[in-house]
C-alpha atoms as a PDB file:
ATOM      1  CA  GLN A   1      21.889   5.361  -3.975  1.00  0.00           C
ATOM      2  CA  VAL A   2      20.213   2.315  -5.753  1.00  0.00           C
ATOM      3  CA  GLU A   3      16.924   1.062  -4.558  1.00  0.00           C
ATOM      4  CA  LEU A   4      16.255  -2.450  -6.087  1.00  0.00           C
ATOM      5  CA  VAL A   5      12.672  -4.119  -5.650  1.00  0.00           C
ATOM      6  CA  GLU A   6      11.968  -7.745  -6.513  1.00  0.00           C
ATOM      7  CA  SER A   7       8.812  -9.629  -7.509  1.00  0.00           C
ATOM      8  CA  GLY A   8       7.526 -12.869  -8.958  1.00  0.00           C
ATOM      9  CA  GLY A   9       8.454 -14.789  -6.150  1.00  0.00           C
ATOM     10  CA  GLY A  10       5.217 -17.301  -4.583  1.00  0.00           C
ATOM     11  CA  LEU A  11       4.414 -21.150  -4.370  1.00  0.00           C
ATOM     12  CA  VAL A  12       4.699 -23.403  -6.709  1.00  0.00           C
ATOM     13  CA  GLN A  13       4.702 -27.119  -7.155  1.00  0.00           C
ATOM     14  CA  ALA A  14       7.948 -29.321  -7.760  1.00  0.00           C
ATOM     15  CA  GLY A  15       8.631 -29.005 -11.675  1.00  0.00           C
ATOM     16  CA  GLY A  16       6.658 -25.518 -12.137  1.00  0.00           C
ATOM     17  CA  SER A  17       8.314 -22.457 -12.966  1.00  0.00           C
ATOM     18  CA  LEU A  18       8.419 -18.615 -12.039  1.00  0.00           C
ATOM     19  CA  ARG A  19      10.056 -15.542 -12.753  1.00  0.00           C
ATOM     20  CA  LEU A  20      11.828 -13.426 -10.467  1.00  0.00           C
ATOM     21  CA  SER A  21      12.084  -9.475 -11.722  1.00  0.00           C
ATOM     22  CA  CYS A  22      14.833  -6.794 -10.314  1.00  0.00           C
ATOM     23  CA  VAL A  23      13.727  -2.672 -10.574  1.00  0.00           C
ATOM     24  CA  ALA A  24      16.293  -0.695  -9.950  1.00  0.00           C
ATOM     25  CA  SER A  25      16.294   2.945  -9.373  1.00  0.00           C
ATOM     26  CA  GLY A  26      18.112   6.041  -8.791  1.00  0.00           C
ATOM     27  CA  ARG A  27      19.985   8.379 -10.123  1.00  0.00           C
ATOM     28  CA  THR A  28      23.557   7.195 -10.142  1.00  0.00           C
ATOM     29  CA  PHE A  29      22.052   3.427 -11.340  1.00  0.00           C
ATOM     30  CA  SER A  30      25.442   2.169 -13.054  1.00  0.00           C
ATOM     31  CA  PRO A  31      26.151  -1.277 -12.322  1.00  0.00           C
ATOM     32  CA  TYR A  32      28.961  -3.805 -13.492  1.00  0.00           C
ATOM     33  CA  ALA A  33      26.924  -6.955 -12.444  1.00  0.00           C
ATOM     34  CA  MET A  34      23.966  -6.991 -11.146  1.00  0.00           C
ATOM     35  CA  GLY A  35      22.328 -11.030  -9.891  1.00  0.00           C
ATOM     36  CA  TRP A  36      20.607 -13.217  -7.234  1.00  0.00           C
ATOM     37  CA  PHE A  37      21.702 -14.530  -3.489  1.00  0.00           C
ATOM     38  CA  ARG A  38      19.358 -17.100  -1.978  1.00  0.00           C
ATOM     39  CA  GLN A  39      18.739 -17.884   1.752  1.00  0.00           C
ATOM     40  CA  ALA A  40      16.964 -20.893   3.196  1.00  0.00           C
ATOM     41  CA  PRO A  41      15.886 -21.289   6.861  1.00  0.00           C
ATOM     42  CA  GLY A  42      19.107 -21.341   8.355  1.00  0.00           C
ATOM     43  CA  LYS A  43      20.993 -20.905   5.868  1.00  0.00           C
ATOM     44  CA  GLU A  44      24.035 -18.993   4.763  1.00  0.00           C
ATOM     45  CA  ARG A  45      23.226 -16.488   2.167  1.00  0.00           C
ATOM     46  CA  GLU A  46      24.210 -17.815  -1.415  1.00  0.00           C
ATOM     47  CA  PHE A  47      24.780 -17.153  -4.786  1.00  0.00           C
ATOM     48  CA  VAL A  48      22.987 -18.370  -7.883  1.00  0.00           C
ATOM     49  CA  ALA A  49      23.825 -15.786 -10.826  1.00  0.00           C
ATOM     50  CA  ARG A  50      24.977 -13.015 -12.216  1.00  0.00           C
ATOM     51  CA  MET A  51      25.402 -11.687 -15.118  1.00  0.00           C
ATOM     52  CA  ASN A  52      27.758  -8.433 -16.522  1.00  0.00           C
ATOM     53  CA  TRP A  53      26.032  -5.533 -17.105  1.00  0.00           C
ATOM     54  CA  GLY A  54      28.423  -4.407 -20.025  1.00  0.00           C
ATOM     55  CA  VAL A  55      29.732  -7.038 -21.855  1.00  0.00           C
ATOM     56  CA  GLY A  56      26.012  -9.490 -20.315  1.00  0.00           C
ATOM     57  CA  SER A  57      28.441 -12.439 -19.530  1.00  0.00           C
ATOM     58  CA  THR A  58      26.456 -14.760 -17.198  1.00  0.00           C
ATOM     59  CA  ASP A  59      27.795 -17.390 -13.821  1.00  0.00           C
ATOM     60  CA  TYR A  60      25.422 -19.393 -11.886  1.00  0.00           C
ATOM     61  CA  LYS A  61      25.356 -21.778  -9.071  1.00  0.00           C
ATOM     62  CA  ASP A  62      25.954 -25.225 -10.591  1.00  0.00           C
ATOM     63  CA  ALA A  63      23.170 -26.227  -9.161  1.00  0.00           C
ATOM     64  CA  VAL A  64      20.959 -24.638 -11.323  1.00  0.00           C
ATOM     65  CA  LYS A  65      22.409 -24.336 -14.592  1.00  0.00           C
ATOM     66  CA  GLY A  66      20.051 -25.801 -17.137  1.00  0.00           C
ATOM     67  CA  ARG A  67      17.017 -24.914 -15.153  1.00  0.00           C
ATOM     68  CA  PHE A  68      17.204 -21.266 -14.536  1.00  0.00           C
ATOM     69  CA  THR A  69      18.362 -18.069 -16.899  1.00  0.00           C
ATOM     70  CA  ILE A  70      19.215 -14.446 -15.777  1.00  0.00           C
ATOM     71  CA  SER A  71      18.357 -11.829 -18.255  1.00  0.00           C
ATOM     72  CA  ARG A  72      18.084  -8.206 -18.501  1.00  0.00           C
ATOM     73  CA  ASP A  73      16.020  -5.563 -20.114  1.00  0.00           C
ATOM     74  CA  ASN A  74      18.216  -2.412 -20.474  1.00  0.00           C
ATOM     75  CA  ALA A  75      15.546  -0.167 -20.662  1.00  0.00           C
ATOM     76  CA  LYS A  76      13.796  -0.610 -17.952  1.00  0.00           C
ATOM     77  CA  ASN A  77      16.506  -1.051 -15.422  1.00  0.00           C
ATOM     78  CA  THR A  78      15.579  -4.119 -14.685  1.00  0.00           C
ATOM     79  CA  VAL A  79      17.117  -8.098 -14.726  1.00  0.00           C
ATOM     80  CA  TYR A  80      15.148 -11.639 -14.081  1.00  0.00           C
ATOM     81  CA  LEU A  81      15.437 -14.861 -13.332  1.00  0.00           C
ATOM     82  CA  GLN A  82      13.708 -17.408 -15.224  1.00  0.00           C
ATOM     83  CA  MET A  83      13.533 -20.404 -13.044  1.00  0.00           C
ATOM     84  CA  SER A  84      12.407 -23.937 -14.626  1.00  0.00           C
ATOM     85  CA  SER A  85      12.499 -27.027 -13.223  1.00  0.00           C
ATOM     86  CA  LEU A  86      11.583 -26.018  -9.409  1.00  0.00           C
ATOM     87  CA  LYS A  87      12.932 -28.625  -6.658  1.00  0.00           C
ATOM     88  CA  PRO A  88      11.849 -28.476  -3.246  1.00  0.00           C
ATOM     89  CA  GLU A  89      15.759 -27.436  -2.065  1.00  0.00           C
ATOM     90  CA  ASP A  90      15.644 -24.223  -4.296  1.00  0.00           C
ATOM     91  CA  THR A  91      13.323 -22.952  -1.217  1.00  0.00           C
ATOM     92  CA  ALA A  92      14.800 -19.419  -0.054  1.00  0.00           C
ATOM     93  CA  VAL A  93      14.341 -15.900  -0.389  1.00  0.00           C
ATOM     94  CA  TYR A  94      15.494 -14.554  -3.170  1.00  0.00           C
ATOM     95  CA  PHE A  95      17.640 -11.680  -3.352  1.00  0.00           C
ATOM     96  CA  CYS A  96      18.667  -9.412  -6.296  1.00  0.00           C
ATOM     97  CA  TYR A  97      21.594  -7.365  -5.828  1.00  0.00           C
ATOM     98  CA  SER A  98      23.870  -4.367  -8.334  1.00  0.00           C
ATOM     99  CA  ASP A  99      27.475  -3.752  -7.517  1.00  0.00           C
ATOM    100  CA  GLN A 100      29.137  -0.545  -8.378  1.00  0.00           C
ATOM    101  CA  SER A 101      31.139   1.851  -7.440  1.00  0.00           C
ATOM    102  CA  SER A 102      33.156  -0.625  -4.756  1.00  0.00           C
ATOM    103  CA  LEU A 103      30.024  -1.169  -3.301  1.00  0.00           C
ATOM    104  CA  ARG A 104      26.539  -3.738  -3.291  1.00  0.00           C
ATOM    105  CA  TYR A 105      23.099  -2.981  -3.035  1.00  0.00           C
ATOM    106  CA  TRP A 106      20.388  -5.009  -1.967  1.00  0.00           C
ATOM    107  CA  GLY A 107      16.795  -5.900  -2.945  1.00  0.00           C
ATOM    108  CA  GLN A 108      14.460  -6.456   0.011  1.00  0.00           C
ATOM    109  CA  GLY A 109      14.464  -9.952  -1.300  1.00  0.00           C
ATOM    110  CA  THR A 110      11.648 -12.031  -2.357  1.00  0.00           C
ATOM    111  CA  GLN A 111      10.215 -15.834  -1.264  1.00  0.00           C
ATOM    112  CA  VAL A 112      10.041 -18.178  -3.171  1.00  0.00           C
ATOM    113  CA  THR A 113       8.582 -21.345  -2.161  1.00  0.00           C
ATOM    114  CA  VAL A 114       8.563 -25.351  -4.351  1.00  0.00           C
ATOM    115  CA  SER A 115       5.910 -28.004  -2.914  1.00  0.00           C
ATOM    116  CA  SER A 116       7.030 -31.599  -3.464  1.00  0.00           C
END
């Protein structure tokens, strides 16, 4: 079993920055990928960013490329999402996920609100 706990969300003005953190725990934590999705009110959950845990390669949703950066700290079992130049349309609940053993684990989500 893997537990994921996100933090770092909040209210920020357009153009501002936030850094989300996701800490993983569990005796069987051994992902091949971790990343972030988001879900805005009334919309489906959508992919934001991912990182291959082994080689560190990354992938991003087109709308966040150049503004968001995913990174990790292996020693802390933590993945981060640095978000800059935030826009009101980035407002959503952001969910961390971890893929391993053909399963996907999810965190509880953290709210990001960008005011115009």
